[in-house]
Amino acid sequence: MHTPRLAVQSLTPRFEQVSQSMEQQFEGAQQISSTIAHFNETSQQTVQSLQENNKALEQLDNAAQGLQGVICRFKVQN
């Protein structure tokens, strides 16, 4: 006959396995969270860089249009 003490003792290894599995899942979740935070930071930096590039392109386009206007004033003789 199984006594309550033996029943509890037989469950102890299972509880330890569950506990270890939970710890591994927690560590995995922390790694995922850290990766997502890094991805978010990188995405924000990319957006900022794209905005800066767009502004620079706009300024370059304006400068090119201005230069084109000045060049049109010159006449080339053959």
PDB file of N, CA and C in Angstrom:
ATOM      1  N   MET A   1       0.826  -1.179   0.000  1.00  0.00           N
ATOM      2  CA  MET A   1       0.000   0.000   0.000  1.00  0.00           C
ATOM      3  C   MET A   1       0.879   1.255   0.000  1.00  0.00           C
ATOM      4  N   HIS A   2       0.459   2.251  -0.785  1.00  0.00           N
ATOM      5  CA  HIS A   2       1.219   3.504  -0.846  1.00  0.00           C
ATOM      6  C   HIS A   2       0.800   4.421   0.289  1.00  0.00           C
ATOM      7  N   THR A   3       1.779   4.905   0.979  1.00  0.00           N
ATOM      8  CA  THR A   3       1.478   5.882   2.017  1.00  0.00           C
ATOM      9  C   THR A   3       1.537   7.252   1.393  1.00  0.00           C
ATOM     10  N   PRO A   4       0.897   8.242   1.984  1.00  0.00           N
ATOM     11  CA  PRO A   4       0.927   9.592   1.443  1.00  0.00           C
ATOM     12  C   PRO A   4       2.362  10.106   1.270  1.00  0.00           C
ATOM     13  N   ARG A   5       3.218   9.738   2.171  1.00  0.00           N
ATOM     14  CA  ARG A   5       4.608  10.201   2.086  1.00  0.00           C
ATOM     15  C   ARG A   5       5.278   9.641   0.827  1.00  0.00           C
ATOM     16  N   LEU A   6       5.074   8.384   0.527  1.00  0.00           N
ATOM     17  CA  LEU A   6       5.658   7.779  -0.662  1.00  0.00           C
ATOM     18  C   LEU A   6       5.059   8.384  -1.926  1.00  0.00           C
ATOM     19  N   ALA A   7       3.772   8.690  -1.882  1.00  0.00           N
ATOM     20  CA  ALA A   7       3.119   9.299  -3.038  1.00  0.00           C
ATOM     21  C   ALA A   7       3.711  10.672  -3.322  1.00  0.00           C
ATOM     22  N   VAL A   8       3.926  11.439  -2.284  1.00  0.00           N
ATOM     23  CA  VAL A   8       4.519  12.771  -2.436  1.00  0.00           C
ATOM     24  C   VAL A   8       5.947  12.644  -2.939  1.00  0.00           C
ATOM     25  N   GLN A   9       6.702  11.712  -2.383  1.00  0.00           N
ATOM     26  CA  GLN A   9       8.084  11.511  -2.796  1.00  0.00           C
ATOM     27  C   GLN A   9       8.159  11.097  -4.268  1.00  0.00           C
ATOM     28  N   SER A  10       7.193  10.324  -4.720  1.00  0.00           N
ATOM     29  CA  SER A  10       7.217   9.901  -6.123  1.00  0.00           C
ATOM     30  C   SER A  10       6.875  11.063  -7.057  1.00  0.00           C
ATOM     31  N   LEU A  11       6.189  12.076  -6.560  1.00  0.00           N
ATOM     32  CA  LEU A  11       5.842  13.239  -7.373  1.00  0.00           C
ATOM     33  C   LEU A  11       6.956  14.285  -7.413  1.00  0.00           C
ATOM     34  N   THR A  12       7.845  14.237  -6.456  1.00  0.00           N
ATOM     35  CA  THR A  12       8.902  15.242  -6.356  1.00  0.00           C
ATOM     36  C   THR A  12       9.725  15.374  -7.643  1.00  0.00           C
ATOM     37  N   PRO A  13      10.194  14.279  -8.255  1.00  0.00           N
ATOM     38  CA  PRO A  13      10.964  14.440  -9.499  1.00  0.00           C
ATOM     39  C   PRO A  13      10.143  15.095 -10.614  1.00  0.00           C
ATOM     40  N   ARG A  14       8.861  14.805 -10.652  1.00  0.00           N
ATOM     41  CA  ARG A  14       8.002  15.419 -11.678  1.00  0.00           C
ATOM     42  C   ARG A  14       7.876  16.922 -11.441  1.00  0.00           C
ATOM     43  N   PHE A  15       7.714  17.322 -10.202  1.00  0.00           N
ATOM     44  CA  PHE A  15       7.633  18.747  -9.894  1.00  0.00           C
ATOM     45  C   PHE A  15       8.951  19.450 -10.233  1.00  0.00           C
ATOM     46  N   GLU A  16      10.061  18.780  -9.989  1.00  0.00           N
ATOM     47  CA  GLU A  16      11.356  19.360 -10.329  1.00  0.00           C
ATOM     48  C   GLU A  16      11.490  19.534 -11.838  1.00  0.00           C
ATOM     49  N   GLN A  17      11.007  18.557 -12.597  1.00  0.00           N
ATOM     50  CA  GLN A  17      11.043  18.666 -14.059  1.00  0.00           C
ATOM     51  C   GLN A  17      10.172  19.821 -14.534  1.00  0.00           C
ATOM     52  N   VAL A  18       8.995  19.939 -13.953  1.00  0.00           N
ATOM     53  CA  VAL A  18       8.092  21.032 -14.323  1.00  0.00           C
ATOM     54  C   VAL A  18       8.727  22.368 -13.971  1.00  0.00           C
ATOM     55  N   SER A  19       9.341  22.429 -12.815  1.00  0.00           N
ATOM     56  CA  SER A  19       9.996  23.664 -12.386  1.00  0.00           C
ATOM     57  C   SER A  19      11.132  24.035 -13.346  1.00  0.00           C
ATOM     58  N   GLN A  20      11.946  23.066 -13.725  1.00  0.00           N
ATOM     59  CA  GLN A  20      13.036  23.322 -14.668  1.00  0.00           C
ATOM     60  C   GLN A  20      12.486  23.777 -16.023  1.00  0.00           C
ATOM     61  N   SER A  21      11.421  23.135 -16.468  1.00  0.00           N
ATOM     62  CA  SER A  21      10.809  23.522 -17.745  1.00  0.00           C
ATOM     63  C   SER A  21      10.271  24.941 -17.690  1.00  0.00           C
ATOM     64  N   MET A  22       9.683  25.297 -16.569  1.00  0.00           N
ATOM     65  CA  MET A  22       9.155  26.650 -16.410  1.00  0.00           C
ATOM     66  C   MET A  22      10.297  27.672 -16.427  1.00  0.00           C
ATOM     67  N   GLU A  23      11.399  27.336 -15.790  1.00  0.00           N
ATOM     68  CA  GLU A  23      12.561  28.239 -15.793  1.00  0.00           C
ATOM     69  C   GLU A  23      13.092  28.416 -17.213  1.00  0.00           C
ATOM     70  N   GLN A  24      13.158  27.327 -17.972  1.00  0.00           N
ATOM     71  CA  GLN A  24      13.634  27.411 -19.353  1.00  0.00           C
ATOM     72  C   GLN A  24      12.686  28.264 -20.197  1.00  0.00           C
ATOM     73  N   GLN A  25      11.389  28.087 -19.999  1.00  0.00           N
ATOM     74  CA  GLN A  25      10.420  28.889 -20.735  1.00  0.00           C
ATOM     75  C   GLN A  25      10.549  30.366 -20.370  1.00  0.00           C
ATOM     76  N   PHE A  26      10.757  30.649 -19.096  1.00  0.00           N
ATOM     77  CA  PHE A  26      10.931  32.025 -18.646  1.00  0.00           C
ATOM     78  C   PHE A  26      12.164  32.648 -19.287  1.00  0.00           C
ATOM     79  N   GLU A  27      13.269  31.900 -19.305  1.00  0.00           N
ATOM     80  CA  GLU A  27      14.500  32.401 -19.927  1.00  0.00           C
ATOM     81  C   GLU A  27      14.272  32.647 -21.420  1.00  0.00           C
ATOM     82  N   GLY A  28      13.559  31.733 -22.078  1.00  0.00           N
ATOM     83  CA  GLY A  28      13.246  31.909 -23.496  1.00  0.00           C
ATOM     84  C   GLY A  28      12.392  33.145 -23.725  1.00  0.00           C
ATOM     85  N   ALA A  29      11.432  33.362 -22.857  1.00  0.00           N
ATOM     86  CA  ALA A  29      10.564  34.537 -22.974  1.00  0.00           C
ATOM     87  C   ALA A  29      11.366  35.822 -22.766  1.00  0.00           C
ATOM     88  N   GLN A  30      12.310  35.799 -21.841  1.00  0.00           N
ATOM     89  CA  GLN A  30      13.167  36.971 -21.622  1.00  0.00           C
ATOM     90  C   GLN A  30      14.020  37.260 -22.862  1.00  0.00           C
ATOM     91  N   GLN A  31      14.543  36.218 -23.489  1.00  0.00           N
ATOM     92  CA  GLN A  31      15.351  36.401 -24.696  1.00  0.00           C
ATOM     93  C   GLN A  31      14.495  36.978 -25.823  1.00  0.00           C
ATOM     94  N   ILE A  32      13.281  36.476 -25.959  1.00  0.00           N
ATOM     95  CA  ILE A  32      12.370  36.993 -26.987  1.00  0.00           C
ATOM     96  C   ILE A  32      12.069  38.457 -26.718  1.00  0.00           C
ATOM     97  N   SER A  33      11.789  38.782 -25.483  1.00  0.00           N
ATOM     98  CA  SER A  33      11.492  40.167 -25.110  1.00  0.00           C
ATOM     99  C   SER A  33      12.670  41.080 -25.409  1.00  0.00           C
ATOM    100  N   SER A  34      13.862  40.622 -25.073  1.00  0.00           N
ATOM    101  CA  SER A  34      15.070  41.410 -25.339  1.00  0.00           C
ATOM    102  C   SER A  34      15.276  41.602 -26.837  1.00  0.00           C
ATOM    103  N   THR A  35      15.060  40.563 -27.609  1.00  0.00           N
ATOM    104  CA  THR A  35      15.209  40.641 -29.058  1.00  0.00           C
ATOM    105  C   THR A  35      14.202  41.604 -29.655  1.00  0.00           C
ATOM    106  N   ILE A  36      12.973  41.556 -29.193  1.00  0.00           N
ATOM    107  CA  ILE A  36      11.929  42.463 -29.687  1.00  0.00           C
ATOM    108  C   ILE A  36      12.279  43.908 -29.336  1.00  0.00           C
ATOM    109  N   ALA A  37      12.777  44.140 -28.136  1.00  0.00           N
ATOM    110  CA  ALA A  37      13.166  45.501 -27.739  1.00  0.00           C
ATOM    111  C   ALA A  37      14.297  46.003 -28.630  1.00  0.00           C
ATOM    112  N   HIS A  38      15.271  45.144 -28.923  1.00  0.00           N
ATOM    113  CA  HIS A  38      16.383  45.528 -29.800  1.00  0.00           C
ATOM    114  C   HIS A  38      15.868  45.806 -31.209  1.00  0.00           C
ATOM    115  N   PHE A  39      14.975  44.964 -31.693  1.00  0.00           N
ATOM    116  CA  PHE A  39      14.383  45.157 -33.021  1.00  0.00           C
ATOM    117  C   PHE A  39      13.623  46.479 -33.078  1.00  0.00           C
ATOM    118  N   ASN A  40      12.885  46.793 -32.033  1.00  0.00           N
ATOM    119  CA  ASN A  40      12.131  48.048 -31.974  1.00  0.00           C
ATOM    120  C   ASN A  40      13.073  49.245 -32.020  1.00  0.00           C
ATOM    121  N   GLU A  41      14.153  49.177 -31.256  1.00  0.00           N
ATOM    122  CA  GLU A  41      15.133  50.271 -31.236  1.00  0.00           C
ATOM    123  C   GLU A  41      15.766  50.442 -32.615  1.00  0.00           C
ATOM    124  N   THR A  42      16.130  49.337 -33.239  1.00  0.00           N
ATOM    125  CA  THR A  42      16.730  49.385 -34.567  1.00  0.00           C
ATOM    126  C   THR A  42      15.741  49.947 -35.586  1.00  0.00           C
ATOM    127  N   SER A  43      14.489  49.559 -35.471  1.00  0.00           N
ATOM    128  CA  SER A  43      13.459  50.063 -36.385  1.00  0.00           C
ATOM    129  C   SER A  43      13.294  51.574 -36.235  1.00  0.00           C
ATOM    130  N   GLN A  44      13.310  52.059 -35.008  1.00  0.00           N
ATOM    131  CA  GLN A  44      13.188  53.504 -34.773  1.00  0.00           C
ATOM    132  C   GLN A  44      14.382  54.250 -35.360  1.00  0.00           C
ATOM    133  N   GLN A  45      15.575  53.683 -35.233  1.00  0.00           N
ATOM    134  CA  GLN A  45      16.759  54.309 -35.809  1.00  0.00           C
ATOM    135  C   GLN A  45      16.661  54.328 -37.338  1.00  0.00           C
ATOM    136  N   THR A  46      16.134  53.250 -37.908  1.00  0.00           N
ATOM    137  CA  THR A  46      15.970  53.179 -39.360  1.00  0.00           C
ATOM    138  C   THR A  46      14.988  54.230 -39.845  1.00  0.00           C
ATOM    139  N   VAL A  47      13.886  54.393 -39.135  1.00  0.00           N
ATOM    140  CA  VAL A  47      12.891  55.408 -39.500  1.00  0.00           C
ATOM    141  C   VAL A  47      13.516  56.793 -39.436  1.00  0.00           C
ATOM    142  N   GLN A  48      14.275  57.058 -38.385  1.00  0.00           N
ATOM    143  CA  GLN A  48      14.929  58.358 -38.248  1.00  0.00           C
ATOM    144  C   GLN A  48      15.919  58.586 -39.390  1.00  0.00           C
ATOM    145  N   SER A  49      16.682  57.574 -39.744  1.00  0.00           N
ATOM    146  CA  SER A  49      17.633  57.698 -40.853  1.00  0.00           C
ATOM    147  C   SER A  49      16.916  57.954 -42.166  1.00  0.00           C
ATOM    148  N   LEU A  50      15.819  57.266 -42.384  1.00  0.00           N
ATOM    149  CA  LEU A  50      15.044  57.480 -43.613  1.00  0.00           C
ATOM    150  C   LEU A  50      14.490  58.903 -43.674  1.00  0.00           C
ATOM    151  N   GLN A  51      14.034  59.412 -42.560  1.00  0.00           N
ATOM    152  CA  GLN A  51      13.530  60.784 -42.536  1.00  0.00           C
ATOM    153  C   GLN A  51      14.654  61.775 -42.849  1.00  0.00           C
ATOM    154  N   GLU A  52      15.818  61.544 -42.291  1.00  0.00           N
ATOM    155  CA  GLU A  52      16.958  62.421 -42.561  1.00  0.00           C
ATOM    156  C   GLU A  52      17.367  62.325 -44.034  1.00  0.00           C
ATOM    157  N   ASN A  53      17.351  61.114 -44.586  1.00  0.00           N
ATOM    158  CA  ASN A  53      17.691  60.937 -46.003  1.00  0.00           C
ATOM    159  C   ASN A  53      16.687  61.646 -46.899  1.00  0.00           C
ATOM    160  N   ASN A  54      15.409  61.544 -46.567  1.00  0.00           N
ATOM    161  CA  ASN A  54      14.372  62.217 -47.362  1.00  0.00           C
ATOM    162  C   ASN A  54      14.562  63.731 -47.332  1.00  0.00           C
ATOM    163  N   LYS A  55      14.896  64.267 -46.168  1.00  0.00           N
ATOM    164  CA  LYS A  55      15.131  65.704 -46.051  1.00  0.00           C
ATOM    165  C   LYS A  55      16.341  66.113 -46.891  1.00  0.00           C
ATOM    166  N   ALA A  56      17.407  65.319 -46.827  1.00  0.00           N
ATOM    167  CA  ALA A  56      18.602  65.623 -47.613  1.00  0.00           C
ATOM    168  C   ALA A  56      18.310  65.532 -49.109  1.00  0.00           C
ATOM    169  N   LEU A  57      17.528  64.546 -49.516  1.00  0.00           N
ATOM    170  CA  LEU A  57      17.160  64.424 -50.925  1.00  0.00           C
ATOM    171  C   LEU A  57      16.323  65.611 -51.390  1.00  0.00           C
ATOM    172  N   GLU A  58      15.441  66.057 -50.536  1.00  0.00           N
ATOM    173  CA  GLU A  58      14.610  67.222 -50.864  1.00  0.00           C
ATOM    174  C   GLU A  58      15.488  68.466 -51.036  1.00  0.00           C
ATOM    175  N   GLN A  59      16.454  68.635 -50.134  1.00  0.00           N
ATOM    176  CA  GLN A  59      17.369  69.777 -50.238  1.00  0.00           C
ATOM    177  C   GLN A  59      18.229  69.674 -51.497  1.00  0.00           C
ATOM    178  N   LEU A  60      18.675  68.479 -51.814  1.00  0.00           N
ATOM    179  CA  LEU A  60      19.475  68.268 -53.016  1.00  0.00           C
ATOM    180  C   LEU A  60      18.649  68.542 -54.270  1.00  0.00           C
ATOM    181  N   ASP A  61      17.402  68.125 -54.268  1.00  0.00           N
ATOM    182  CA  ASP A  61      16.511  68.389 -55.405  1.00  0.00           C
ATOM    183  C   ASP A  61      16.302  69.886 -55.581  1.00  0.00           C
ATOM    184  N   ASN A  62      16.085  70.603 -54.483  1.00  0.00           N
ATOM    185  CA  ASN A  62      15.918  72.062 -54.554  1.00  0.00           C
ATOM    186  C   ASN A  62      17.184  72.733 -55.088  1.00  0.00           C
ATOM    187  N   ALA A  63      18.334  72.258 -54.620  1.00  0.00           N
ATOM    188  CA  ALA A  63      19.598  72.823 -55.097  1.00  0.00           C
ATOM    189  C   ALA A  63      19.785  72.533 -56.585  1.00  0.00           C
ATOM    190  N   ALA A  64      19.436  71.349 -57.033  1.00  0.00           N
ATOM    191  CA  ALA A  64      19.570  70.989 -58.447  1.00  0.00           C
ATOM    192  C   ALA A  64      18.634  71.836 -59.308  1.00  0.00           C
ATOM    193  N   GLN A  65      17.432  72.080 -58.830  1.00  0.00           N
ATOM    194  CA  GLN A  65      16.496  72.926 -59.580  1.00  0.00           C
ATOM    195  C   GLN A  65      17.022  74.358 -59.676  1.00  0.00           C
ATOM    196  N   GLY A  66      17.573  74.848 -58.594  1.00  0.00           N
ATOM    197  CA  GLY A  66      18.151  76.196 -58.602  1.00  0.00           C
ATOM    198  C   GLY A  66      19.330  76.279 -59.554  1.00  0.00           C
ATOM    199  N   LEU A  67      20.172  75.279 -59.546  1.00  0.00           N
ATOM    200  CA  LEU A  67      21.323  75.244 -60.436  1.00  0.00           C
ATOM    201  C   LEU A  67      20.867  75.150 -61.893  1.00  0.00           C
ATOM    202  N   GLN A  68      19.854  74.377 -62.132  1.00  0.00           N
ATOM    203  CA  GLN A  68      19.322  74.252 -63.492  1.00  0.00           C
ATOM    204  C   GLN A  68      18.783  75.602 -63.984  1.00  0.00           C
ATOM    205  N   GLY A  69      18.154  76.344 -63.103  1.00  0.00           N
ATOM    206  CA  GLY A  69      17.656  77.669 -63.458  1.00  0.00           C
ATOM    207  C   GLY A  69      18.783  78.619 -63.809  1.00  0.00           C
ATOM    208  N   VAL A  70      19.882  78.554 -63.082  1.00  0.00           N
ATOM    209  CA  VAL A  70      21.040  79.407 -63.357  1.00  0.00           C
ATOM    210  C   VAL A  70      21.697  78.988 -64.665  1.00  0.00           C
ATOM    211  N   ILE A  71      21.833  77.726 -64.912  1.00  0.00           N
ATOM    212  CA  ILE A  71      22.485  77.222 -66.135  1.00  0.00           C
ATOM    213  C   ILE A  71      21.693  77.617 -67.378  1.00  0.00           C
ATOM    214  N   CYS A  72      20.381  77.659 -67.273  1.00  0.00           N
ATOM    215  CA  CYS A  72      19.536  78.023 -68.414  1.00  0.00           C
ATOM    216  C   CYS A  72      19.824  79.436 -68.912  1.00  0.00           C
ATOM    217  N   ARG A  73      20.404  80.277 -68.101  1.00  0.00           N
ATOM    218  CA  ARG A  73      20.693  81.661 -68.490  1.00  0.00           C
ATOM    219  C   ARG A  73      21.894  81.762 -69.435  1.00  0.00           C
ATOM    220  N   PHE A  74      22.736  80.739 -69.395  1.00  0.00           N
ATOM    221  CA  PHE A  74      23.919  80.756 -70.247  1.00  0.00           C
ATOM    222  C   PHE A  74      23.560  80.266 -71.654  1.00  0.00           C
ATOM    223  N   LYS A  75      24.170  80.891 -72.657  1.00  0.00           N
ATOM    224  CA  LYS A  75      23.993  80.457 -74.024  1.00  0.00           C
ATOM    225  C   LYS A  75      25.304  79.879 -74.525  1.00  0.00           C
ATOM    226  N   VAL A  76      25.195  78.785 -75.198  1.00  0.00           N
ATOM    227  CA  VAL A  76      26.379  78.119 -75.728  1.00  0.00           C
ATOM    228  C   VAL A  76      26.446  78.421 -77.219  1.00  0.00           C
ATOM    229  N   GLN A  77      27.595  78.892 -77.672  1.00  0.00           N
ATOM    230  CA  GLN A  77      27.760  79.187 -79.104  1.00  0.00           C
ATOM    231  C   GLN A  77      28.479  78.033 -79.770  1.00  0.00           C
ATOM    232  N   ASN A  78      28.031  77.726 -80.962  1.00  0.00           N
ATOM    233  CA  ASN A  78      28.676  76.658 -81.722  1.00  0.00           C
ATOM    234  C   ASN A  78      29.797  77.200 -82.560  1.00  0.00           C
TER     235      ASN A  78
END
